[in-house]
Structure formats: structure tokens, C-alpha cells
Protein backbone atom coordinates (compact mmCIF):
# COMPACT_ATOMS: atom_id res chain seq x y z
CA MET A 1 114.46 -29.23 -50.85
CA VAL A 2 112.21 -26.60 -49.32
CA LEU A 3 112.72 -23.02 -50.54
CA ALA A 4 112.48 -20.75 -47.51
CA GLY A 5 114.50 -17.70 -48.50
CA GLY A 6 111.85 -15.16 -49.45
CA PHE A 7 111.40 -11.67 -47.98
CA GLY A 8 107.60 -11.76 -47.79
CA THR A 9 107.24 -8.14 -48.89
CA ARG A 10 103.44 -8.22 -49.16
CA VAL A 11 102.96 -9.57 -45.62
CA ARG A 12 105.88 -7.79 -43.91
CA HIS A 13 103.47 -5.54 -41.97
CA LEU A 14 101.91 -8.68 -40.45
CA LEU A 15 105.18 -10.45 -39.62
CA GLY A 16 107.66 -7.73 -38.71
CA ASP A 17 111.17 -9.00 -39.43
CA LEU A 18 110.22 -12.69 -39.44
CA PRO A 19 110.93 -14.57 -42.68
CA LYS A 20 107.61 -15.39 -44.34
CA PRO A 21 108.00 -19.20 -43.99
CA MET A 22 108.43 -18.68 -40.23
CA ALA A 23 104.98 -17.12 -39.87
CA PRO A 24 103.49 -18.59 -36.66
CA VAL A 25 100.52 -20.82 -37.51
CA ALA A 26 98.73 -23.16 -35.10
CA GLY A 27 101.64 -23.14 -32.66
CA ARG A 28 104.45 -23.78 -35.18
CA PRO A 29 106.18 -21.89 -38.00
CA PHE A 30 104.37 -22.46 -41.29
CA VAL A 31 107.45 -24.08 -42.87
CA GLU A 32 107.45 -26.69 -40.10
CA TRP A 33 104.01 -27.79 -41.27
CA VAL A 34 105.49 -28.19 -44.75
CA LEU A 35 108.18 -30.47 -43.31
CA ARG A 36 105.68 -32.44 -41.26
CA TYR A 37 103.61 -33.02 -44.40
CA LEU A 38 106.75 -34.36 -46.10
CA LEU A 39 107.54 -36.62 -43.14
CA LYS A 40 104.02 -38.04 -43.26
CA GLN A 41 104.72 -39.03 -46.88
CA GLY A 42 108.00 -40.74 -46.02
CA ILE A 43 110.53 -37.96 -46.75
CA ARG A 44 113.21 -38.09 -44.05
CA GLN A 45 116.04 -35.95 -45.43
CA VAL A 46 115.47 -32.28 -46.28
CA VAL A 47 117.57 -29.29 -47.29
CA LEU A 48 116.13 -25.94 -46.24
CA SER A 49 117.25 -23.24 -48.69
CA THR A 50 117.26 -20.03 -46.66
CA GLY A 51 118.01 -16.39 -47.31
CA TYR A 52 116.42 -13.48 -45.46
CA ARG A 53 117.14 -13.90 -41.73
CA ALA A 54 118.40 -17.43 -42.26
CA GLU A 55 119.50 -17.63 -38.64
CA VAL A 56 115.88 -17.50 -37.45
CA VAL A 57 115.05 -20.62 -39.46
CA GLU A 58 118.19 -22.47 -38.40
CA ASN A 59 117.82 -21.59 -34.73
CA HIS A 60 114.27 -22.88 -34.63
CA PHE A 61 115.06 -26.31 -36.07
CA GLU A 62 118.26 -26.67 -34.08
CA GLN A 63 116.33 -26.01 -30.87
CA GLU A 64 113.21 -27.94 -31.91
CA PRO A 65 114.22 -30.71 -34.34
CA ILE A 66 111.55 -32.86 -35.95
CA PRO A 67 111.96 -36.49 -34.80
CA GLY A 68 112.70 -38.79 -37.71
CA MET A 69 113.79 -36.03 -40.09
CA ALA A 70 117.35 -34.93 -40.90
CA ILE A 71 117.38 -31.21 -41.78
CA SER A 72 120.34 -29.37 -43.28
CA PHE A 73 120.61 -25.75 -44.39
CA ALA A 74 121.91 -23.90 -47.43
CA VAL A 75 122.05 -20.11 -47.19
CA GLU A 76 121.71 -17.60 -50.05
CA LYS A 77 124.17 -14.77 -49.47
CA GLU A 78 122.09 -12.57 -51.80
CA PRO A 79 118.62 -12.95 -53.36
CA LEU A 80 118.89 -15.56 -56.14
CA GLY A 81 115.25 -16.18 -57.02
CA THR A 82 113.45 -19.52 -56.65
CA GLY A 83 115.42 -21.30 -59.37
CA GLY A 84 118.70 -19.73 -58.34
CA GLY A 85 118.21 -20.57 -54.68
CA PHE A 86 117.49 -24.17 -55.59
CA LEU A 87 120.44 -24.43 -57.97
CA CYS A 88 122.97 -23.06 -55.49
CA SER A 89 121.56 -25.04 -52.57
CA ALA A 90 121.63 -28.26 -54.59
CA GLY A 91 125.25 -27.59 -55.49
CA SER A 92 126.25 -27.22 -51.84
CA ALA A 93 124.13 -30.07 -50.46
CA GLN A 94 125.87 -32.96 -48.72
CA PHE A 95 124.03 -35.52 -50.84
CA THR A 96 123.03 -35.84 -54.50
CA PRO A 97 119.70 -37.58 -55.09
CA ARG A 98 118.75 -38.94 -58.49
CA ILE A 99 115.56 -36.87 -58.22
CA TRP A 100 115.04 -33.64 -56.30
CA LEU A 101 111.63 -32.99 -54.76
CA VAL A 102 111.29 -29.21 -54.49
CA LEU A 103 108.65 -27.32 -52.49
CA ASN A 104 107.99 -23.74 -51.47
CA GLY A 105 108.22 -22.94 -47.79
CA ASP A 106 105.29 -20.52 -47.93
CA SER A 107 102.64 -22.72 -49.55
CA LEU A 108 101.10 -26.12 -49.00
CA VAL A 109 99.20 -28.48 -51.26
CA PHE A 110 98.60 -31.97 -49.92
CA ALA A 111 99.51 -33.77 -53.13
CA ASP A 112 100.17 -37.50 -53.15
CA LEU A 113 103.93 -37.51 -53.67
CA ALA A 114 103.99 -41.08 -54.96
CA ALA A 115 101.67 -39.99 -57.78
CA THR A 116 103.86 -36.93 -58.34
CA LEU A 117 106.96 -39.06 -58.84
CA SER A 118 105.35 -41.81 -60.91
CA PRO A 119 105.79 -40.13 -64.36
CA LEU A 120 109.56 -40.25 -63.80
CA SER A 121 109.47 -44.02 -64.27
CA ASP A 122 109.59 -42.99 -67.94
CA GLU A 123 113.24 -42.01 -68.43
CA SER A 124 112.29 -39.55 -71.19
CA ILE A 125 110.41 -37.38 -68.68
CA SER A 126 112.82 -34.88 -67.13
CA GLY A 127 110.60 -33.38 -64.47
CA VAL A 128 107.14 -33.09 -62.98
CA ILE A 129 105.19 -30.02 -61.89
CA VAL A 130 102.16 -30.39 -59.63
CA GLY A 131 99.26 -28.30 -60.90
CA ARG A 132 96.17 -27.29 -58.96
CA ALA A 133 92.89 -26.30 -60.62
CA VAL A 134 91.52 -23.09 -59.06
CA PRO A 135 88.44 -20.97 -59.79
CA ASP A 136 90.53 -17.78 -60.07
CA ALA A 137 94.09 -17.95 -61.39
CA SER A 138 94.66 -14.18 -61.40
CA ARG A 139 97.30 -14.32 -58.63
CA PHE A 140 99.26 -17.18 -60.08
CA GLY A 141 99.16 -17.48 -63.84
CA THR A 142 98.32 -20.82 -65.42
CA LEU A 143 100.08 -23.91 -66.73
CA ILE A 144 99.37 -24.61 -70.39
CA THR A 145 99.78 -28.26 -71.38
CA ASP A 146 99.46 -30.35 -74.51
CA SER A 147 97.23 -33.39 -74.98
CA ALA A 148 99.80 -35.58 -73.21
CA GLY A 149 99.80 -33.36 -70.12
CA GLU A 150 103.24 -31.93 -70.79
CA LEU A 151 104.06 -28.30 -70.11
CA VAL A 152 103.94 -26.02 -73.15
CA LYS A 153 104.24 -22.66 -71.40
CA PHE A 154 103.29 -20.53 -68.42
CA ASP A 155 100.43 -18.20 -69.30
CA GLU A 156 100.08 -14.69 -67.94
CA LYS A 157 98.06 -13.98 -64.83
CA ARG A 158 94.41 -13.50 -65.77
CA PRO A 159 91.05 -13.85 -64.01
CA GLY A 160 89.05 -17.02 -64.41
CA LYS A 161 89.55 -20.74 -63.95
CA GLY A 162 92.92 -22.32 -64.60
CA VAL A 163 95.51 -24.86 -63.50
CA ILE A 164 98.17 -23.09 -61.48
CA ASN A 165 101.69 -24.03 -60.45
CA SER A 166 101.33 -25.34 -56.89
CA GLY A 167 105.06 -24.98 -56.19
CA ILE A 168 105.91 -28.70 -56.01
CA TYR A 169 108.43 -30.04 -58.53
CA ALA A 170 110.19 -33.36 -59.04
CA LEU A 171 113.35 -32.79 -61.10
CA ARG A 172 116.05 -35.19 -62.19
CA HIS A 173 119.42 -34.08 -60.84
CA SER A 174 120.86 -34.30 -64.36
CA LEU A 175 118.43 -31.54 -65.40
CA LEU A 176 120.38 -28.98 -63.36
CA LEU A 177 123.00 -28.86 -66.11
CA ASP A 178 120.37 -27.28 -68.37
CA PHE A 179 119.45 -24.44 -66.00
CA PRO A 180 120.33 -20.93 -67.22
CA VAL A 181 123.41 -19.64 -65.41
CA ARG A 182 122.32 -16.17 -64.33
CA PHE A 183 120.87 -14.72 -61.17
CA PRO A 184 118.30 -14.02 -59.95
CA LEU A 185 116.69 -17.04 -61.58
CA SER A 186 112.95 -17.74 -61.51
CA PHE A 187 111.55 -21.24 -62.07
CA GLU A 188 108.51 -19.90 -63.92
CA LYS A 189 110.07 -17.05 -65.89
CA ASP A 190 113.53 -18.45 -66.60
CA VAL A 191 114.11 -22.12 -65.82
CA PHE A 192 111.04 -23.85 -67.21
CA PRO A 193 110.88 -21.78 -70.43
CA GLU A 194 114.55 -22.63 -71.08
CA LEU A 195 113.97 -26.34 -70.42
CA ILE A 196 111.02 -26.33 -72.83
CA ARG A 197 113.17 -24.58 -75.44
CA LEU A 198 115.78 -27.31 -75.05
CA GLY A 199 113.13 -29.97 -75.63
CA ARG A 200 113.04 -31.33 -72.09
CA ARG A 201 109.76 -33.05 -71.24
CA LEU A 202 108.00 -31.69 -68.14
CA ARG A 203 104.83 -33.50 -67.12
CA VAL A 204 102.09 -31.63 -65.25
CA VAL A 205 100.31 -33.79 -62.66
CA GLN A 206 97.07 -32.26 -61.45
CA THR A 207 95.74 -32.53 -57.92
CA ASP A 208 92.55 -31.33 -56.29
CA ALA A 209 94.06 -31.56 -52.79
CA PRO A 210 93.64 -28.63 -50.37
CA PHE A 211 95.98 -25.74 -51.25
CA LEU A 212 97.09 -22.54 -49.54
CA ASP A 213 99.71 -19.90 -50.34
CA ILE A 214 100.34 -17.54 -47.40
CA GLY A 215 101.90 -14.81 -49.53
CA THR A 216 99.20 -12.13 -49.26
CA PRO A 217 97.51 -10.23 -46.42
CA GLU A 218 94.28 -11.98 -47.40
CA THR A 219 95.60 -15.56 -47.36
CA LEU A 220 98.00 -15.49 -44.40
CA PRO A 221 95.16 -15.14 -41.85
CA GLN A 222 93.53 -18.25 -43.40
CA ALA A 223 96.50 -20.45 -42.48
CA GLU A 224 95.44 -21.28 -38.93
CA GLN A 225 92.11 -22.76 -39.98
CA PHE A 226 93.70 -24.44 -43.01
CA ILE A 227 96.22 -26.30 -40.83
CA ARG A 228 93.65 -27.33 -38.23
CA GLU A 229 91.22 -28.60 -40.88
CA ASN A 230 93.92 -30.74 -42.51
CA CYS A 231 95.75 -32.17 -39.51
CA GLN A 232 95.53 -35.71 -40.96
CA TYR A 233 98.22 -34.79 -43.49
CA PHE A 234 100.90 -34.12 -40.87
CA ALA A 235 103.27 -36.36 -38.94
């Protein structure tokens, strides 16, 4: 599932009324590059969780489908947050996988998805979060793990080096029963702290793959070069 329902408040002056994941980058909407990265790694069925101007996203992929990929849509009628959007979209999806792979539609990290999923061969691991080491974690906050690499907590945003949440999760479908039932619902502020409280084991898998979040006026203009420099990751 790709979460593509955000308003993009910080970059609205650059995009007008376009949803942030639909920002035009290297001839395609940014979220299409996310899907093409998934296709390259063998993912062929995707739910797009949409919200703000959902019709723009749907119209694009209905008119320009991606060969080899089946795309369906789940629309938030009101802002539900990242965790809430996922929870409601998963509940309305036409299929129920054993494991959900969840990504943000406004960021890309070229993680090896096979490595991301591998900890789930241990049935006691409930989910995986992909972490990315960065020289300055002040925009993101950091993932704090124990000696086994399992999530202990999300730390506050602070300057300096840290391992940030890249926005890629692998979650067992059964884990959805443990989500808080309130909206809006944030993965970082609500869902993961509750899962830790309940004793669910969440493994952090680190990657040093190229990473970009287009959520600020400083990073959105970097997207064109980022896509062109990493074209080998796309189908």
C-alpha cells in the first residue's frame, strides 16, 4: 500500500492544488516513480490510499496505467493520518495479504525489499521498519533500538546524526487488530508506541540506499536529479 493522501502544506506554493505525491518529476508524478520502484522489485498489486484531490491520482493511473501492475484505490473521506489512512484502506481493500508492505507516496528510499521482509520469517516478529542513517535527523526524529535491532521508541527531532524512519514498513495483517481505534492516527506518534506497549516486536532494518523526501521547499527541487541519477531502480 502506498500512502498518497497528504495535503503537502509546506510545498503548496510550489504545487498549487496538486496533491504532493503528484508533483511532476522527470516527466511523471513522483508517486509513479514509487510504483515503478516497487514493480522493479517484483510487486505487482498495489493499493493507493488517497485523500486530498483523490480524483487527480485516480485519473492519472486510469489514463496511464503501469504495464504489469494492478492498481486499486482507497479514498479517505476526511484526513485520517498515516496510520489511519492505512488502517481504513486495508479494511476496504479487495485482497488481504499475510503481510502488508507500506510506503509513503512522497518519499523514496531504494531499499532491498527482500531484505526488508526477511526478519518476518521469524513468526515472533510482528513488523519491520526500514531505517536510514542520515547526518542530520532534525527533520525526522530518530529510531531508537535495542541490541537486537528492535524498536524501543521514536526519539524527538534533534540535530545530529541518527537513524530515521524511511517510511517503509512490513506489517503482518494480524497486527492491525492492535492498532488504536481513533483518528487521526499517526504511525510514529500513535501506532508504533502502542504496539511497543503491547509487547509486539518491531525490527528495524537499516539501509544506506539513496533516500529523498519531497516534503519541503528545499527537497522538492532535488527530486528531478534524484530520479535521473537512480534510474536503474525503476521498471
